[in-house]
């Protein structure tokens, strides 16, 4: 029986520090029926120019502007799905992969199941973004095992509500049934939104611990930068407004606004003006409907902060 075909999609932005490790990992994987497509979103660090050298057999797309993660995924998927494809694997560039990880993912997948691996933090080896739960009151992922030591308690496959798209195997049928990623997010929460849409459409989401990757969380975008804060503040309530009834959304809004009032006050008290500006812009743009890839890292971050 032939292996299902897998299109691997990687979106690069300023990934110069991680691309060599990714290339070495992908060159060593044992699953043979795959092809690779990389999109560079106009990386200022010049890493896009290295893609053809590091990944000589891949399809390379070099964008003139940073279109955002969701738009770049849709761009690559639109090309990949013109050819016979059973699954699409979305993969962050700041990941390293054991040789057999893709075999384990495909063995657990079917036409109605999205499969995510066990994700370990590169620096600590501990569980990262592991639980796959979601709090509808707070609008946040509930990573109940985040930071725990890996061990026997985390070896059984299990169904979850949402998946982190640092690595996710999606059946091609899902793109036809659910549609593309919502490009209004630009960056962040598009994976939460897609997970919710997938489950509403009857798809399952499975964590398969037999497949393991290591992820340098925030390696491409910066974990606590003004840029990251802006998109998190703007896209979090947008996700809830898309999927909650009006009464439940209003309840969330009370919690959301109270929480952010305290955070804004803290930024004023500590004179953290870059975070404060990003915070207020995120709130403003959500409530005025200004969505998409509205800001680049250089628009929000201090000059000495790359992402």
Foldseek 3Di string as FASTA:
>chain_A
DDAFAEEEEEEAAQCPPQQLLLLVQVVQAPDDRYAYEYEYACHPVPVLVCCCVSPVRHHYHYDNHRQFDQVRVVVVLVVVVVDRHFKYKYAYSQKHFDRHQVVLQSVPDDQQEKEDEFEAAPVPRAGALHQQEADLLQLDRCSVRHPPHDDPVPQDKDWHQFDDSNIMIHTPVLCVQQNGQDQQLRDDCSRVLSSNSSVVSPGIYMYHHVTYMHGNPCPRPRDPFLVVLLSCLQVSLVSSVVPDDPVSSVSSVVVSVVVLVVVLVVCVVVVVVLNNVSNVNSVVCNVVVPTGCPDDSVVRGDPVDSD
